[in-house]
Amino acid sequence: SSNGNLQFSSSNPLYYNDCLANGSLPGMGDLIAPFWDDLDLSAAGFLETEVTGTAPNRVFVVEWDDVPRYGEGGDNNVTFAVQLFETTNDVVFLYEDVNTLAESNGRSATIGLQSEAAGLALQFSCNQPAVSDHSGLLFPYPALPNADVGRETTLYHPQTAGPLAKGETLTLLETLNQRGPAALTQLQRHWLNQTPQRQSEWAQVDLDGDGRLELVLVWRGPVGQPQASELVVLTPTAEGQMNLWLDQRLARRDEATPQLTFVQTSDVTGDAIDDILLSDPDNGYQFVLTTAPGDLALLPLPDRCLGSLRVLERPGLPFPQIIRDGCATPGRLAVVWNGQEFINLVKVAP
C-alpha cells in the first residue's frame, strides 16, 4: 500500500491507521506495517522494490522514498523501508528520515505485524513518537514455536526529541533567535511574495502558565494548496531563545482545509491558563488551542458555525461557556469543556 504497509492476503487502501494492541484488524489480512500512515504518492515520492543477494539468502526490499504525508510536501517527507529475508524469514524495518513538521517520529503511524487468519498481532507502537532517523527494528522469526504467543509483550520504546523544525518553520525559528520579534514584519512580507503565497498572523500568549509568552503563528495558503496552511507555536526558554513546541498542518483529506484566524484569548478550560480560540469564518471550523489535555493541542469545537463566537462565564459552572450562532445544529449553542473534550451543553435562548 502507498500508506506505509504491506498486505499479503488483502489489498485494503485504508489511509487512516488503526492500532494493533487489541489483536489483528479485520480486512487487513497478513500485514507488515513499518509506518502505516496517511501518505500521498500522487505528486511526490517513490515506492520502490529490489531483490538483493543470491538464493537462498536473498533479501526483498520495499522502500517508501521521500514520500509526503497527505496535505504536506516540500521537505516534509519520510523515507523508510522493509527488508524480508529469505531462509531466516526475519523482517527488518529501516528508518532513514521520519522527522516531519507535524506528527514526527511516528506520532500518527502504526508500526507492527499481524496475521488476520491466525488472529495474532504484534504492535511496536501506535500514534507514538517511537522511531527516529537512521534507526531500525528487527523482528526475528522464531526457530521454534513461541510458547509466549498470547501473553503480554513489552517492547523498548526509544526516547526521541521534540518536534524538529524544517522548511519555513526553521527559517522562522532561526530568524527570531537571531533578530527577535521585530523580524516578524519582514518575514510576513517574505511569505506573501513566495510561491505558494502565504498570509500570516500571530499572537503572543502565555499558554503554559510559566510567565513567558509563547508565539503562536498561523499561515493561510491559497485554495488548491492545502499544504501551505499551518499552525506553529514557539515557546521561549528562560534565556529568551525560542524552541518549537507545536507544528501542525491543517490540511484535511475529506473536508476543506481550515483557514484559521485568531478570535479571542480566554481561559475556557478552567485551569487558570489562557487558551486561544481560532475560527475559519468561511467554512465554520472553530478550535481551541490549549494545554488542558496535558500537552499543547488544537482541539475542535463540535458542529460547524458561521455566526458569532463569544465566551460567557456563568455563576455556578466550573468552566466558561463558548456561545456560538449559525451552527449546523439549529439555534444558539453553548459549548463547554468537560475535562476531556469540548461538548455541546445546551441550546441557549436568543
Protein backbone atom coordinates (compact mmCIF):
# COMPACT_ATOMS: atom_id res chain seq x y z
CA SER A 1 0.00 0.00 0.00
CA SER A 2 1.15 3.57 -0.60
CA ASN A 3 0.19 4.18 3.04
CA GLY A 4 3.25 2.53 4.54
CA ASN A 5 2.25 -1.14 4.84
CA LEU A 6 2.47 -4.49 3.03
CA GLN A 7 -0.58 -6.78 2.79
CA PHE A 8 -0.28 -10.39 1.64
CA SER A 9 -3.88 -11.61 1.64
CA SER A 10 -5.74 -8.33 1.08
CA SER A 11 -5.37 -5.03 -0.76
CA ASN A 12 -7.07 -2.63 1.63
CA PRO A 13 -6.36 1.01 0.65
CA LEU A 14 -7.40 2.32 4.08
CA TYR A 15 -5.47 5.56 4.55
CA TYR A 16 -6.07 6.13 8.27
CA ASN A 17 -4.13 3.83 10.57
CA ASP A 18 -5.53 1.74 13.40
CA CYS A 19 -3.82 0.22 16.42
CA LEU A 20 -2.93 -3.45 16.85
CA ALA A 21 -2.92 -3.51 20.66
CA ASN A 22 -6.23 -5.41 20.84
CA GLY A 23 -5.38 -8.03 18.24
CA SER A 24 -5.47 -8.30 14.46
CA LEU A 25 -7.57 -5.88 12.41
CA PRO A 26 -10.31 -7.26 10.15
CA GLY A 27 -9.87 -6.61 6.46
CA MET A 28 -6.11 -6.00 6.63
CA GLY A 29 -5.02 -9.62 6.09
CA ASP A 30 -1.44 -10.61 6.85
CA LEU A 31 0.07 -7.19 7.45
CA ILE A 32 3.59 -5.82 7.76
CA ALA A 33 3.40 -2.17 8.78
CA PRO A 34 6.71 -0.30 9.05
CA PHE A 35 4.97 3.10 9.04
CA TRP A 36 1.21 2.87 8.40
CA ASP A 37 0.11 6.47 8.00
CA ASP A 38 -1.84 8.69 5.59
CA LEU A 39 0.86 9.02 2.94
CA ASP A 40 0.37 10.50 -0.53
CA LEU A 41 2.33 9.37 -3.60
CA SER A 42 0.13 11.18 -6.11
CA ALA A 43 2.51 14.09 -6.69
CA ALA A 44 5.80 13.28 -4.95
CA GLY A 45 7.90 10.41 -3.65
CA PHE A 46 8.61 6.90 -4.87
CA LEU A 47 7.57 3.36 -3.91
CA GLU A 48 10.45 1.10 -4.93
CA THR A 49 11.26 -2.62 -4.71
CA GLU A 50 14.52 -4.51 -5.08
CA VAL A 51 15.91 -8.01 -4.54
CA THR A 52 19.47 -8.18 -3.25
CA GLY A 53 21.81 -11.13 -2.68
CA THR A 54 21.62 -14.65 -4.12
CA ALA A 55 19.49 -17.68 -3.25
CA PRO A 56 18.97 -18.97 -0.64
CA ASN A 57 19.93 -15.74 1.15
CA ARG A 58 18.12 -13.11 -0.87
CA VAL A 59 16.52 -10.03 0.67
CA PHE A 60 13.36 -8.46 -0.76
CA VAL A 61 13.33 -4.71 -0.10
CA VAL A 62 10.38 -2.32 -0.32
CA GLU A 63 11.21 1.37 0.15
CA TRP A 64 8.96 4.40 0.55
CA ASP A 65 11.35 7.09 -0.67
CA ASP A 66 10.81 10.79 0.13
CA VAL A 67 7.03 10.38 0.48
CA PRO A 68 4.90 13.21 1.96
CA ARG A 69 2.06 12.77 4.39
CA TYR A 70 -1.28 13.76 2.88
CA GLY A 71 -1.63 17.53 2.61
CA GLU A 72 2.07 18.13 3.23
CA GLY A 73 5.05 18.37 0.93
CA GLY A 74 8.25 20.22 0.23
CA ASP A 75 10.96 18.95 2.54
CA ASN A 76 8.41 17.46 4.92
CA ASN A 77 8.68 13.85 3.68
CA VAL A 78 9.53 10.43 5.12
CA THR A 79 11.85 7.69 3.88
CA PHE A 80 11.73 4.16 5.29
CA ALA A 81 11.96 0.54 4.11
CA VAL A 82 11.08 -3.09 4.83
CA GLN A 83 13.54 -5.96 4.34
CA LEU A 84 12.19 -9.53 4.08
CA PHE A 85 14.91 -12.17 4.47
CA GLU A 86 14.81 -15.46 2.60
CA THR A 87 15.50 -18.65 4.61
CA THR A 88 15.52 -16.92 8.03
CA ASN A 89 12.13 -15.19 7.41
CA ASP A 90 13.33 -12.26 9.51
CA VAL A 91 11.67 -8.88 9.00
CA VAL A 92 13.57 -5.59 9.36
CA PHE A 93 12.18 -2.05 9.37
CA LEU A 94 14.66 0.72 8.46
CA TYR A 95 14.04 4.43 9.08
CA GLU A 96 16.15 6.95 7.19
CA ASP A 97 14.04 10.09 7.73
CA VAL A 98 10.90 10.18 9.89
CA ASN A 99 11.19 13.73 11.22
CA THR A 100 8.35 15.79 9.78
CA LEU A 101 6.83 19.18 10.51
CA ALA A 102 3.81 17.54 12.12
CA GLU A 103 3.28 14.10 13.70
CA SER A 104 7.04 13.49 13.74
CA ASN A 105 8.71 10.13 14.54
CA GLY A 106 5.54 8.09 14.09
CA ARG A 107 3.10 10.20 16.11
CA SER A 108 0.31 9.33 13.64
CA ALA A 109 1.57 5.92 12.44
CA THR A 110 1.10 2.26 13.36
CA ILE A 111 4.24 0.10 13.45
CA GLY A 112 3.89 -3.67 13.78
CA LEU A 113 2.82 -7.00 12.29
CA GLN A 114 -0.37 -9.03 12.18
CA SER A 115 -1.86 -12.27 10.85
CA GLU A 116 -5.60 -11.87 10.44
CA ALA A 117 -6.01 -15.59 9.71
CA ALA A 118 -4.28 -16.56 12.97
CA GLY A 119 -5.81 -13.70 14.95
CA LEU A 120 -2.38 -12.53 16.10
CA ALA A 121 -0.77 -9.10 16.15
CA LEU A 122 2.50 -7.63 17.43
CA GLN A 123 2.47 -3.86 17.85
CA PHE A 124 5.65 -1.86 18.39
CA SER A 125 3.89 1.50 18.57
CA CYS A 126 0.69 3.29 17.60
CA ASN A 127 0.48 7.07 17.33
CA GLN A 128 3.60 7.47 19.45
CA PRO A 129 6.97 9.14 18.71
CA ALA A 130 8.68 5.75 18.88
CA VAL A 131 11.15 5.74 15.96
CA SER A 132 13.90 8.13 14.93
CA ASP A 133 16.10 8.88 11.93
CA HIS A 134 18.78 6.34 10.99
CA SER A 135 17.30 3.61 13.17
CA GLY A 136 15.81 0.17 12.63
CA LEU A 137 13.72 -2.62 14.13
CA LEU A 138 14.36 -6.36 13.82
CA PHE A 139 11.54 -8.91 14.06
CA PRO A 140 13.37 -12.28 14.14
CA TYR A 141 11.46 -15.35 13.01
CA PRO A 142 11.48 -17.87 15.88
CA ALA A 143 13.32 -21.14 15.28
CA LEU A 144 10.78 -22.93 17.48
CA PRO A 145 7.08 -22.24 18.10
CA ASN A 146 6.67 -19.35 20.51
CA ALA A 147 5.18 -20.58 23.76
CA ASP A 148 4.50 -16.98 24.80
CA VAL A 149 2.08 -16.20 21.97
CA GLY A 150 -0.94 -14.53 23.52
CA ARG A 151 0.99 -13.28 26.54
CA GLU A 152 1.69 -9.62 27.05
CA THR A 153 4.91 -8.47 25.39
CA THR A 154 6.72 -5.25 26.25
CA LEU A 155 8.97 -3.66 23.64
CA TYR A 156 11.53 -0.97 24.26
CA HIS A 157 10.45 2.45 23.01
CA PRO A 158 13.47 4.69 22.38
CA GLN A 159 13.45 8.23 23.67
CA THR A 160 13.02 10.81 20.91
CA ALA A 161 13.43 14.54 20.85
CA GLY A 162 10.64 17.05 20.42
CA PRO A 163 9.41 18.15 17.01
CA LEU A 164 12.10 19.07 14.51
CA ALA A 165 11.83 22.42 12.74
CA LYS A 166 12.04 22.25 8.95
CA GLY A 167 11.36 24.49 5.98
CA GLU A 168 9.75 27.85 6.73
CA THR A 169 9.33 26.85 10.38
CA LEU A 170 13.10 26.51 10.66
CA THR A 171 13.55 29.89 8.93
CA LEU A 172 11.10 31.45 11.40
CA LEU A 173 12.84 29.90 14.41
CA GLU A 174 16.36 30.86 13.35
CA THR A 175 15.38 34.42 12.37
CA LEU A 176 13.59 35.08 15.66
CA ASN A 177 16.50 33.73 17.69
CA GLN A 178 18.89 35.99 15.77
CA ARG A 179 16.83 39.19 15.47
CA GLY A 180 13.90 38.93 17.87
CA PRO A 181 10.17 39.59 17.29
CA ALA A 182 10.89 42.71 15.22
CA ALA A 183 11.75 40.37 12.32
CA LEU A 184 8.15 39.14 12.04
CA THR A 185 7.01 42.04 9.85
CA GLN A 186 9.78 41.38 7.32
CA LEU A 187 9.05 37.65 7.38
CA GLN A 188 5.38 38.40 6.74
CA ARG A 189 6.33 40.23 3.52
CA HIS A 190 8.59 37.32 2.57
CA TRP A 191 5.75 34.82 2.94
CA LEU A 192 3.40 36.97 0.84
CA ASN A 193 5.95 37.03 -2.00
CA GLN A 194 6.77 33.32 -2.05
CA THR A 195 5.06 30.57 -4.08
CA PRO A 196 2.60 29.42 -2.91
CA GLN A 197 1.70 32.71 -1.26
CA ARG A 198 1.06 32.53 2.47
CA GLN A 199 -0.88 35.01 4.56
CA SER A 200 0.10 35.09 8.23
CA GLU A 201 -0.91 36.46 11.60
CA TRP A 202 0.40 35.85 15.08
CA ALA A 203 -0.31 36.33 18.76
CA GLN A 204 1.79 36.18 21.92
CA VAL A 205 0.10 34.33 24.79
CA ASP A 206 1.34 32.51 27.90
CA LEU A 207 -0.05 29.05 27.14
CA ASP A 208 1.67 27.09 29.92
CA GLY A 209 1.45 29.48 32.87
CA ASP A 210 5.20 29.99 33.29
CA GLY A 211 5.00 33.76 32.87
CA ARG A 212 6.71 33.72 29.45
CA LEU A 213 4.83 34.42 26.21
CA GLU A 214 4.58 31.78 23.52
CA LEU A 215 4.48 32.92 19.89
CA VAL A 216 1.51 31.42 18.04
CA LEU A 217 1.60 31.89 14.26
CA VAL A 218 -0.97 30.89 11.65
CA TRP A 219 -0.15 30.53 7.96
CA ARG A 220 -3.02 30.52 5.45
CA GLY A 221 -2.38 29.17 1.96
CA PRO A 222 -4.32 29.72 -1.28
CA VAL A 223 -7.13 27.46 -2.48
CA GLY A 224 -5.61 24.33 -4.00
CA GLN A 225 -2.50 24.49 -1.80
CA PRO A 226 -3.61 22.80 1.46
CA GLN A 227 -0.02 22.08 2.49
CA ALA A 228 0.54 25.83 2.94
CA SER A 229 -1.96 26.19 5.83
CA GLU A 230 -0.22 25.60 9.13
CA LEU A 231 -0.20 26.43 12.85
CA VAL A 232 3.14 26.91 14.63
CA VAL A 233 3.80 27.53 18.33
CA LEU A 234 7.22 28.59 19.60
CA THR A 235 8.00 28.61 23.32
CA PRO A 236 10.78 30.65 24.97
CA THR A 237 13.46 29.35 27.28
CA ALA A 238 14.48 31.20 30.43
CA GLU A 239 17.35 32.67 28.37
CA GLY A 240 14.91 34.05 25.77
CA GLN A 241 15.66 31.61 22.95
CA MET A 242 12.67 30.17 21.10
CA ASN A 243 12.05 26.42 20.70
CA LEU A 244 9.47 24.68 18.56
CA TRP A 245 6.55 23.36 20.64
CA LEU A 246 3.91 22.57 18.03
CA ASP A 247 3.88 22.49 14.23
CA GLN A 248 0.54 21.32 12.87
CA ARG A 249 -0.50 21.13 9.24
CA LEU A 250 -4.18 21.91 8.82
CA ALA A 251 -4.89 20.02 5.58
CA ARG A 252 -7.76 17.53 5.65
CA ARG A 253 -8.44 14.72 3.22
CA ASP A 254 -12.26 14.78 3.26
CA GLU A 255 -13.08 18.41 4.12
CA ALA A 256 -11.99 21.92 3.25
CA THR A 257 -8.71 22.94 4.86
CA PRO A 258 -9.36 25.38 7.73
CA GLN A 259 -8.10 28.92 7.10
CA LEU A 260 -7.75 29.97 10.72
CA THR A 261 -7.75 33.40 12.29
CA PHE A 262 -7.50 34.43 15.94
CA VAL A 263 -10.78 35.21 17.72
CA GLN A 264 -10.15 35.56 21.45
CA THR A 265 -7.79 34.68 24.29
CA SER A 266 -9.57 33.33 27.37
CA ASP A 267 -9.33 30.57 29.96
CA VAL A 268 -12.13 28.31 28.67
CA THR A 269 -10.85 25.13 30.37
CA GLY A 270 -10.85 26.42 33.96
CA ASP A 271 -7.16 25.77 34.69
CA ALA A 272 -6.17 29.43 35.20
CA ILE A 273 -4.10 29.33 31.99
CA ASP A 274 -5.06 31.20 28.85
CA ASP A 275 -6.39 29.33 25.83
CA ILE A 276 -6.76 30.68 22.28
CA LEU A 277 -9.97 30.45 20.26
CA LEU A 278 -9.47 30.27 16.49
CA SER A 279 -12.05 30.26 13.72
CA ASP A 280 -12.41 29.75 9.98
CA PRO A 281 -15.25 32.20 9.26
CA ASP A 282 -15.80 30.99 5.69
CA ASN A 283 -16.14 27.27 6.44
CA GLY A 284 -17.35 27.35 10.05
CA TYR A 285 -14.48 25.43 11.67
CA GLN A 286 -13.64 26.56 15.20
CA PHE A 287 -10.87 25.36 17.52
CA VAL A 288 -9.31 25.94 20.92
CA LEU A 289 -5.54 25.86 21.37
CA THR A 290 -4.98 24.65 24.93
CA THR A 291 -2.69 22.70 27.25
CA ALA A 292 -5.63 21.31 29.26
CA PRO A 293 -5.23 17.72 27.91
CA GLY A 294 -1.71 17.60 29.38
CA ASP A 295 0.19 18.90 26.36
CA LEU A 296 -0.47 21.59 23.80
CA ALA A 297 -3.23 20.58 21.38
CA LEU A 298 -5.55 22.15 18.82
CA LEU A 299 -8.99 20.83 19.77
CA PRO A 300 -12.05 21.17 17.51
CA LEU A 301 -15.38 22.52 18.71
CA PRO A 302 -18.40 20.37 17.77
CA ASP A 303 -20.53 21.44 14.79
CA ARG A 304 -19.62 23.99 12.17
CA CYS A 305 -20.77 27.53 12.96
CA LEU A 306 -20.73 30.53 10.63
CA GLY A 307 -22.04 33.08 13.14
CA SER A 308 -20.61 34.85 16.17
CA LEU A 309 -18.47 33.31 18.92
CA ARG A 310 -18.03 34.66 22.45
CA VAL A 311 -17.03 33.41 25.90
CA LEU A 312 -19.51 33.70 28.77
CA GLU A 313 -18.89 32.90 32.43
CA ARG A 314 -22.00 31.76 34.30
CA PRO A 315 -22.21 31.58 38.12
CA GLY A 316 -22.17 28.03 39.47
CA LEU A 317 -20.49 26.46 36.42
CA PRO A 318 -16.88 25.21 36.73
CA PHE A 319 -15.99 26.19 33.16
CA PRO A 320 -16.91 29.18 30.99
CA GLN A 321 -19.29 28.60 28.10
CA ILE A 322 -18.48 29.30 24.47
CA ILE A 323 -21.64 30.72 22.87
CA ARG A 324 -22.00 30.26 19.08
CA ASP A 325 -24.53 31.15 16.40
CA GLY A 326 -25.17 30.00 12.85
CA CYS A 327 -24.33 26.35 13.53
CA ALA A 328 -25.27 23.18 11.69
CA THR A 329 -27.37 22.32 14.76
CA PRO A 330 -30.21 24.89 14.76
CA GLY A 331 -30.28 27.57 17.45
CA ARG A 332 -27.63 29.21 19.58
CA LEU A 333 -25.23 26.66 21.10
CA ALA A 334 -23.31 26.67 24.37
CA VAL A 335 -20.11 24.62 24.27
CA VAL A 336 -18.25 23.66 27.44
CA TRP A 337 -15.05 21.81 28.37
CA ASN A 338 -15.88 18.57 30.23
CA GLY A 339 -12.33 17.80 31.32
CA GLN A 340 -11.51 15.78 28.19
CA GLU A 341 -13.12 17.49 25.20
CA PHE A 342 -15.46 20.28 24.17
CA ILE A 343 -19.14 19.29 24.01
CA ASN A 344 -22.42 20.98 23.16
CA LEU A 345 -24.02 21.63 26.54
CA VAL A 346 -27.37 23.24 25.80
CA LYS A 347 -29.21 25.36 23.31
CA VAL A 348 -29.31 28.92 24.54
CA ALA A 349 -32.43 31.04 24.32
CA PRO A 350 -32.00 34.02 21.95
